[in-house]
Protein backbone atom coordinates (compact mmCIF):
# COMPACT_ATOMS: atom_id res chain seq x y z
CA UNK A 1 104.44 83.35 75.03
CA UNK A 2 104.95 87.10 74.67
CA UNK A 3 104.13 87.63 78.35
CA UNK A 4 106.65 85.00 79.41
CA UNK A 5 109.33 86.64 77.25
CA UNK A 6 108.49 89.97 78.88
CA UNK A 7 108.88 88.53 82.37
CA UNK A 8 112.21 86.90 81.48
CA UNK A 9 113.52 90.15 80.01
CA UNK A 10 112.30 92.12 83.05
CA UNK A 11 114.13 89.77 85.40
CA UNK A 12 117.32 90.07 83.35
CA UNK A 13 117.23 93.87 82.93
CA UNK A 14 116.28 94.75 86.51
CA UNK A 15 118.74 92.27 88.02
CA UNK A 16 121.49 93.66 85.80
CA UNK A 17 120.62 97.22 86.87
CA UNK A 18 120.54 96.28 90.56
CA UNK A 19 123.92 94.51 90.32
CA UNK A 20 125.43 97.51 88.51
CA UNK A 21 124.17 99.92 91.18
CA UNK A 22 125.73 97.78 93.91
CA UNK A 23 128.99 97.50 91.98
CA UNK A 24 129.46 101.27 91.58
CA UNK A 25 128.32 102.03 95.12
CA UNK A 26 125.12 103.84 94.16
CA UNK A 27 123.80 105.56 97.29
CA UNK A 28 120.69 104.09 98.88
CA UNK A 29 117.96 106.71 98.97
CA UNK A 30 114.37 106.82 100.14
CA UNK A 31 112.15 104.96 97.71
CA UNK A 32 114.94 102.95 96.12
CA UNK A 33 113.54 99.44 95.65
CA UNK A 34 116.01 96.57 95.80
CA UNK A 35 114.89 94.01 93.23
CA UNK A 36 115.50 90.34 93.79
CA UNK A 37 114.71 87.74 91.17
CA UNK A 38 111.76 86.49 93.22
CA UNK A 39 110.36 90.00 93.68
CA UNK A 40 110.63 90.77 89.95
CA UNK A 41 108.82 87.56 88.97
CA UNK A 42 106.07 88.08 91.55
CA UNK A 43 105.50 91.72 90.56
CA UNK A 44 105.44 90.87 86.85
CA UNK A 45 102.98 88.02 87.33
CA UNK A 46 100.74 90.04 89.65
CA UNK A 47 100.61 92.99 87.26
CA UNK A 48 99.80 90.77 84.27
CA UNK A 49 97.11 88.96 86.26
CA UNK A 50 95.72 92.27 87.53
CA UNK A 51 95.48 93.60 83.99
CA UNK A 52 93.63 90.51 82.79
CA UNK A 53 91.27 90.51 85.79
CA UNK A 54 90.64 94.24 85.44
CA UNK A 55 89.73 93.88 81.78
CA UNK A 56 87.29 91.06 82.56
CA UNK A 57 85.63 92.77 85.52
CA UNK A 58 85.83 96.37 84.29
CA UNK A 59 87.81 97.90 87.14
CA UNK A 60 91.15 99.65 87.15
CA UNK A 61 94.13 97.34 87.48
CA UNK A 62 95.63 99.57 90.15
CA UNK A 63 92.90 98.46 92.55
CA UNK A 64 94.54 95.04 92.46
CA UNK A 65 98.27 95.59 92.08
CA UNK A 66 98.92 98.61 94.32
CA UNK A 67 97.95 96.67 97.48
CA UNK A 68 100.16 93.81 96.27
CA UNK A 69 103.11 96.19 95.81
CA UNK A 70 102.57 97.44 99.36
CA UNK A 71 102.54 93.84 100.64
CA UNK A 72 105.83 93.21 98.81
CA UNK A 73 107.44 96.09 100.69
CA UNK A 74 107.34 98.94 98.19
CA UNK A 75 107.06 102.37 99.82
CA UNK A 76 103.54 103.84 99.44
CA UNK A 77 104.68 106.77 97.27
CA UNK A 78 106.42 104.37 94.87
CA UNK A 79 103.42 102.01 94.69
CA UNK A 80 100.97 104.85 94.09
CA UNK A 81 103.12 106.41 91.38
CA UNK A 82 102.65 103.28 89.25
CA UNK A 83 98.98 104.16 88.86
């Protein structure tokens, strides 16, 4: 239940931030990730699943979610900085 609430809040907060940036004409710069509702939900679910899998197997979660972030179109320097 707590995880679901976290995902819902993430979708709301990031979508609100993205809409605000578009409204004020925030310049698009290298590494700026445009969040859509689908992308936020996928990233949140992948990161939660990666954390659970990593704790069960004993590996770092970044081994699982950094490749997924690259598949979703995040620039490599943004994906690697989440480590």
